[in-house]
Amino acid sequence: MQSKNLYLLMLQSSQEVLKKSIFAIQIEIKFSLFYCDQPLFVTENDPHKLLKLACIADILNFPDYTLGIMEHLTLSHGADPRYNLANTIFDRLSQFSDLVEQGLENLPVIQSIQDYIRF
């Protein structure tokens, strides 16, 4: 079902039904504004919950969401070593030879977290 900017409203209005009958739901979420007044997923800013979500996204094989959450955690909470995931991001992206050949330092995600990378 294509619902554009209404995911949050749909989920909020169906909480009771979902609690009783659904184990998991796959939806597309956004970490940056695409529509006017769009609620962003990162309005949840509890770093512990976001770290859990990154782990779940990784287990479910959603690497783009995992990377987005990890970048957000690093940029928002990277002063706390528990949430500075810059080295993890760098290490994971280093596993892709085509990205390494192009130069990881040229990737927007690496540029955004470069001040947090510790070698």
Protein backbone atom coordinates (compact mmCIF):
# COMPACT_ATOMS: atom_id res chain seq x y z
CA MET A 1 0.00 0.00 0.00
CA GLN A 2 1.46 3.38 -0.95
CA SER A 3 0.64 5.86 1.78
CA LYS A 4 3.37 8.49 1.27
CA ASN A 5 3.49 10.67 4.36
CA LEU A 6 0.85 8.82 6.40
CA TYR A 7 2.77 5.86 7.88
CA LEU A 8 2.97 7.31 11.36
CA LEU A 9 -0.71 8.26 11.43
CA MET A 10 -1.72 4.82 10.14
CA LEU A 11 0.35 3.04 12.78
CA GLN A 12 -0.82 5.27 15.61
CA SER A 13 -4.47 4.79 14.72
CA SER A 14 -4.19 1.00 14.57
CA GLN A 15 -2.13 0.30 17.69
CA GLU A 16 -4.67 -1.95 19.43
CA VAL A 17 -5.26 -4.16 16.40
CA LEU A 18 -1.55 -4.44 15.72
CA LYS A 19 -0.75 -5.38 19.32
CA LYS A 20 -3.08 -8.37 19.14
CA SER A 21 -2.37 -9.74 15.70
CA ILE A 22 0.90 -8.59 14.13
CA PHE A 23 4.44 -9.63 15.05
CA ALA A 24 6.34 -7.31 12.68
CA ILE A 25 5.64 -4.67 10.06
CA GLN A 26 7.99 -3.56 7.33
CA ILE A 27 7.63 0.07 6.35
CA GLU A 28 9.83 2.64 4.71
CA ILE A 29 11.12 5.23 7.12
CA LYS A 30 12.99 8.46 6.52
CA PHE A 31 15.92 9.98 8.31
CA SER A 32 15.81 13.22 6.31
CA LEU A 33 12.94 15.41 5.21
CA PHE A 34 11.38 14.41 1.89
CA TYR A 35 7.84 15.81 2.24
CA CYS A 36 6.74 19.05 3.86
CA ASP A 37 5.97 18.53 7.58
CA GLN A 38 6.93 14.86 7.36
CA PRO A 39 7.54 13.21 10.74
CA LEU A 40 11.04 11.80 10.69
CA PHE A 41 11.95 8.53 12.30
CA VAL A 42 14.75 10.15 14.24
CA THR A 43 12.29 12.17 16.27
CA GLU A 44 12.94 9.27 18.65
CA ASN A 45 16.25 10.46 20.02
CA ASP A 46 16.86 8.00 22.85
CA PRO A 47 20.31 6.69 21.88
CA HIS A 48 19.81 3.35 23.62
CA LYS A 49 16.59 2.66 21.70
CA LEU A 50 18.17 3.77 18.45
CA LEU A 51 21.12 1.47 19.00
CA LYS A 52 18.71 -1.42 19.55
CA LEU A 53 16.90 -0.47 16.37
CA ALA A 54 20.17 -0.40 14.43
CA CYS A 55 20.89 -3.93 15.65
CA ILE A 56 17.43 -5.12 14.61
CA ALA A 57 17.79 -3.48 11.18
CA ASP A 58 21.15 -5.18 10.77
CA ILE A 59 19.78 -8.60 11.73
CA LEU A 60 16.88 -8.14 9.30
CA ASN A 61 19.39 -7.25 6.55
CA PHE A 62 18.46 -3.59 6.05
CA PRO A 63 21.96 -2.16 5.70
CA ASP A 64 20.82 1.26 4.46
CA TYR A 65 18.63 1.79 7.55
CA THR A 66 21.34 0.41 9.81
CA LEU A 67 23.85 2.85 8.33
CA GLY A 68 21.42 5.78 8.65
CA ILE A 69 20.74 5.05 12.30
CA MET A 70 24.42 4.53 13.07
CA GLU A 71 25.32 7.82 11.37
CA HIS A 72 22.58 9.65 13.29
CA LEU A 73 23.73 8.13 16.59
CA THR A 74 27.31 9.17 15.90
CA LEU A 75 26.42 12.72 14.90
CA SER A 76 23.91 13.25 17.72
CA HIS A 77 25.54 11.31 20.56
CA GLY A 78 29.11 10.63 19.40
CA ALA A 79 30.63 12.45 22.37
CA ASP A 80 29.60 9.38 24.36
CA PRO A 81 31.91 6.52 23.27
CA ARG A 82 29.01 4.04 23.53
CA TYR A 83 27.29 5.79 20.63
CA ASN A 84 30.28 6.82 18.53
CA LEU A 85 29.89 4.27 15.75
CA ALA A 86 32.16 6.02 13.26
CA ASN A 87 34.83 3.32 13.31
CA THR A 88 32.20 0.61 12.94
CA ILE A 89 30.71 2.41 9.93
CA PHE A 90 34.16 2.83 8.41
CA ASP A 91 35.08 -0.82 9.03
CA ARG A 92 31.84 -2.15 7.55
CA LEU A 93 32.11 0.01 4.44
CA SER A 94 35.75 -1.06 4.08
CA GLN A 95 34.51 -4.58 3.37
CA PHE A 96 33.25 -3.44 -0.06
CA SER A 97 36.19 -3.37 -2.45
CA ASP A 98 34.37 -1.18 -4.99
CA LEU A 99 33.81 1.49 -2.33
CA VAL A 100 37.42 1.27 -1.23
CA GLU A 101 38.57 1.67 -4.84
CA GLN A 102 36.41 4.78 -5.23
CA GLY A 103 37.81 6.14 -1.98
CA LEU A 104 35.81 5.79 1.22
CA GLU A 105 36.75 9.34 2.17
CA ASN A 106 34.59 10.55 -0.75
CA LEU A 107 31.40 8.98 0.60
CA PRO A 108 28.99 11.50 2.15
CA VAL A 109 28.51 9.33 5.24
CA ILE A 110 32.27 9.17 5.87
CA GLN A 111 32.59 12.91 5.31
CA SER A 112 29.81 13.58 7.83
CA ILE A 113 31.40 11.42 10.56
CA GLN A 114 35.08 12.03 9.83
CA ASP A 115 35.63 14.02 13.03
CA TYR A 116 34.47 11.01 15.05
CA ILE A 117 36.71 8.38 13.42
CA ARG A 118 39.45 7.22 15.80
CA PHE A 119 42.31 5.02 14.64
